[in-house]
N, C-alpha and C. Protein backbone atom coordinates (compact mmCIF):
# COMPACT_ATOMS: atom_id res chain seq x y z
N MET A 1 -21.06 -20.18 -78.31
CA MET A 1 -19.77 -20.13 -78.98
C MET A 1 -18.78 -20.97 -78.18
N ARG A 2 -17.84 -21.57 -78.91
CA ARG A 2 -16.81 -22.39 -78.28
C ARG A 2 -15.46 -22.06 -78.92
N LEU A 3 -14.43 -21.98 -78.09
CA LEU A 3 -13.06 -21.82 -78.55
C LEU A 3 -12.32 -23.10 -78.23
N THR A 4 -11.83 -23.79 -79.26
CA THR A 4 -11.12 -25.04 -79.04
C THR A 4 -9.67 -24.78 -78.61
N CYS A 5 -9.01 -25.81 -78.13
CA CYS A 5 -7.61 -25.68 -77.71
C CYS A 5 -6.68 -25.42 -78.89
N THR A 6 -7.17 -25.62 -80.11
CA THR A 6 -6.35 -25.36 -81.31
C THR A 6 -6.61 -23.98 -81.89
N GLY A 7 -7.43 -23.17 -81.21
CA GLY A 7 -7.66 -21.80 -81.65
C GLY A 7 -8.79 -21.62 -82.63
N VAL A 8 -9.66 -22.61 -82.76
CA VAL A 8 -10.81 -22.49 -83.67
C VAL A 8 -12.00 -22.00 -82.87
N LEU A 9 -12.59 -20.91 -83.32
CA LEU A 9 -13.77 -20.33 -82.67
C LEU A 9 -15.01 -20.75 -83.44
N HIS A 10 -15.79 -21.65 -82.82
CA HIS A 10 -17.06 -22.09 -83.41
C HIS A 10 -18.13 -21.13 -82.92
N THR A 11 -18.74 -20.40 -83.84
CA THR A 11 -19.73 -19.41 -83.43
C THR A 11 -21.10 -20.00 -83.22
N CYS A 12 -21.34 -21.17 -83.77
CA CYS A 12 -22.63 -21.83 -83.60
C CYS A 12 -22.39 -23.34 -83.61
N LEU A 13 -22.90 -24.03 -82.59
CA LEU A 13 -22.66 -25.46 -82.51
C LEU A 13 -23.45 -26.25 -83.55
N GLY A 14 -24.46 -25.63 -84.15
CA GLY A 14 -25.27 -26.31 -85.14
C GLY A 14 -24.88 -26.03 -86.57
N ARG A 15 -23.77 -25.34 -86.77
CA ARG A 15 -23.31 -25.01 -88.12
C ARG A 15 -21.84 -25.32 -88.26
N GLU A 16 -21.38 -25.41 -89.49
CA GLU A 16 -19.98 -25.75 -89.76
C GLU A 16 -19.03 -24.55 -89.75
N ASP A 17 -19.54 -23.34 -89.85
CA ASP A 17 -18.65 -22.19 -89.95
C ASP A 17 -17.89 -21.94 -88.64
N ALA A 18 -16.65 -21.50 -88.79
CA ALA A 18 -15.79 -21.25 -87.64
C ALA A 18 -14.69 -20.28 -88.07
N ALA A 19 -14.02 -19.69 -87.09
CA ALA A 19 -12.92 -18.77 -87.35
C ALA A 19 -11.63 -19.37 -86.77
N ASP A 20 -10.59 -19.42 -87.58
CA ASP A 20 -9.30 -19.96 -87.15
C ASP A 20 -8.48 -18.83 -86.55
N LEU A 21 -8.58 -18.64 -85.24
CA LEU A 21 -7.89 -17.53 -84.58
C LEU A 21 -6.39 -17.76 -84.48
N ARG A 22 -5.97 -19.01 -84.43
CA ARG A 22 -4.54 -19.30 -84.39
C ARG A 22 -3.87 -18.80 -85.67
N ALA A 23 -4.52 -18.99 -86.80
CA ALA A 23 -3.96 -18.51 -88.07
C ALA A 23 -3.85 -16.99 -88.08
N VAL A 24 -4.82 -16.33 -87.49
CA VAL A 24 -4.78 -14.86 -87.41
C VAL A 24 -3.59 -14.41 -86.59
N ILE A 25 -3.38 -15.05 -85.44
CA ILE A 25 -2.26 -14.70 -84.57
C ILE A 25 -0.93 -14.96 -85.26
N ARG A 26 -0.80 -16.12 -85.89
CA ARG A 26 0.46 -16.48 -86.57
C ARG A 26 0.77 -15.55 -87.72
N ALA A 27 -0.26 -15.01 -88.36
CA ALA A 27 -0.05 -14.10 -89.48
C ALA A 27 0.15 -12.66 -89.02
N GLY A 28 0.08 -12.45 -87.71
CA GLY A 28 0.25 -11.09 -87.18
C GLY A 28 -0.97 -10.22 -87.40
N GLY A 29 -2.12 -10.85 -87.59
CA GLY A 29 -3.36 -10.12 -87.84
C GLY A 29 -3.96 -9.54 -86.58
N ASP A 30 -5.06 -8.86 -86.74
CA ASP A 30 -5.77 -8.21 -85.64
C ASP A 30 -6.72 -9.23 -85.00
N LEU A 31 -6.33 -9.78 -83.87
CA LEU A 31 -7.12 -10.81 -83.19
C LEU A 31 -8.47 -10.27 -82.74
N VAL A 32 -8.48 -9.09 -82.18
CA VAL A 32 -9.74 -8.50 -81.71
C VAL A 32 -10.72 -8.34 -82.87
N GLN A 33 -10.24 -7.86 -83.99
CA GLN A 33 -11.12 -7.69 -85.15
C GLN A 33 -11.61 -9.04 -85.68
N ALA A 34 -10.74 -10.04 -85.66
CA ALA A 34 -11.15 -11.38 -86.11
C ALA A 34 -12.26 -11.94 -85.23
N ILE A 35 -12.15 -11.72 -83.93
CA ILE A 35 -13.20 -12.17 -83.01
C ILE A 35 -14.49 -11.39 -83.27
N ARG A 36 -14.37 -10.09 -83.44
CA ARG A 36 -15.56 -9.28 -83.74
C ARG A 36 -16.23 -9.75 -85.03
N ASP A 37 -15.45 -9.98 -86.06
CA ASP A 37 -16.01 -10.44 -87.33
C ASP A 37 -16.74 -11.77 -87.16
N ALA A 38 -16.15 -12.67 -86.38
CA ALA A 38 -16.77 -13.97 -86.15
C ALA A 38 -18.09 -13.81 -85.39
N VAL A 39 -18.09 -12.96 -84.37
CA VAL A 39 -19.31 -12.76 -83.58
C VAL A 39 -20.40 -12.12 -84.43
N TRP A 40 -20.04 -11.15 -85.24
CA TRP A 40 -21.04 -10.48 -86.09
C TRP A 40 -21.59 -11.40 -87.17
N SER A 41 -20.84 -12.42 -87.55
CA SER A 41 -21.33 -13.35 -88.56
C SER A 41 -22.15 -14.49 -87.95
N LYS A 42 -22.20 -14.52 -86.61
CA LYS A 42 -22.96 -15.56 -85.92
C LYS A 42 -24.44 -15.45 -86.27
N PRO A 43 -25.09 -16.58 -86.51
CA PRO A 43 -26.52 -16.54 -86.81
C PRO A 43 -27.32 -15.96 -85.64
N ALA A 44 -28.43 -15.32 -85.95
CA ALA A 44 -29.25 -14.68 -84.92
C ALA A 44 -29.99 -15.71 -84.06
N GLY A 45 -30.22 -16.90 -84.60
CA GLY A 45 -30.96 -17.91 -83.85
C GLY A 45 -30.35 -19.28 -84.02
N HIS A 46 -30.98 -20.25 -83.43
CA HIS A 46 -30.51 -21.62 -83.52
C HIS A 46 -31.39 -22.42 -84.47
N ASP A 47 -30.80 -23.44 -85.07
CA ASP A 47 -31.54 -24.28 -85.99
C ASP A 47 -31.18 -25.74 -85.72
N PHE A 48 -31.68 -26.27 -84.61
CA PHE A 48 -31.35 -27.63 -84.22
C PHE A 48 -32.49 -28.61 -84.53
N HIS A 49 -33.37 -28.27 -85.43
CA HIS A 49 -34.48 -29.14 -85.78
C HIS A 49 -33.98 -30.24 -86.71
N ILE A 50 -33.76 -31.43 -86.16
CA ILE A 50 -33.27 -32.56 -86.94
C ILE A 50 -34.37 -33.61 -86.97
N ALA A 51 -34.78 -33.98 -88.15
CA ALA A 51 -35.84 -34.97 -88.29
C ALA A 51 -35.36 -36.34 -87.82
N ARG A 52 -36.26 -37.13 -87.30
CA ARG A 52 -35.90 -38.47 -86.83
C ARG A 52 -35.32 -39.28 -87.99
N GLY A 53 -34.16 -39.86 -87.76
CA GLY A 53 -33.51 -40.67 -88.78
C GLY A 53 -32.66 -39.88 -89.76
N ALA A 54 -32.66 -38.55 -89.66
CA ALA A 54 -31.86 -37.72 -90.58
C ALA A 54 -30.41 -37.66 -90.10
N ALA A 55 -29.53 -37.31 -91.00
CA ALA A 55 -28.12 -37.15 -90.65
C ALA A 55 -27.95 -35.89 -89.80
N PRO A 56 -26.93 -35.87 -88.94
CA PRO A 56 -26.68 -34.67 -88.14
C PRO A 56 -26.40 -33.45 -89.02
N ALA A 57 -26.67 -32.28 -88.48
CA ALA A 57 -26.47 -31.04 -89.23
C ALA A 57 -24.98 -30.73 -89.43
N VAL A 58 -24.13 -31.20 -88.54
CA VAL A 58 -22.69 -30.97 -88.65
C VAL A 58 -21.97 -32.32 -88.57
N ALA A 59 -20.81 -32.38 -89.19
CA ALA A 59 -20.06 -33.63 -89.24
C ALA A 59 -19.23 -33.88 -87.97
N ARG A 60 -18.89 -32.84 -87.24
CA ARG A 60 -18.03 -33.00 -86.06
C ARG A 60 -18.86 -33.41 -84.84
N HIS A 61 -18.22 -34.09 -83.93
CA HIS A 61 -18.86 -34.50 -82.68
C HIS A 61 -18.76 -33.35 -81.68
N MET A 62 -19.72 -33.26 -80.79
CA MET A 62 -19.72 -32.18 -79.79
C MET A 62 -18.47 -32.21 -78.92
N SER A 63 -17.90 -33.39 -78.68
CA SER A 63 -16.72 -33.48 -77.84
C SER A 63 -15.52 -32.77 -78.46
N THR A 64 -15.49 -32.58 -79.78
CA THR A 64 -14.38 -31.88 -80.41
C THR A 64 -14.52 -30.37 -80.32
N THR A 65 -15.69 -29.89 -79.92
CA THR A 65 -15.90 -28.45 -79.80
C THR A 65 -16.07 -28.03 -78.36
N GLY A 66 -15.81 -28.94 -77.43
CA GLY A 66 -15.87 -28.59 -76.02
C GLY A 66 -17.26 -28.72 -75.43
N GLY A 67 -18.18 -29.38 -76.15
CA GLY A 67 -19.56 -29.51 -75.65
C GLY A 67 -19.77 -30.80 -74.90
């Protein structure tokens, strides 16, 4: 999992899903519950099997997620 400087919590580096924690804070929401929800929705395993010559599984570069 990675938390970006803009408050986006990426629960899996190989998938596009993420939680916008900054939006939760700005809306006065429950930050702890938002983090729990994100963690519970995290996939149980990794799926980094990319065939040679295939497009990447995610559109973002690792450098944008702190990797």
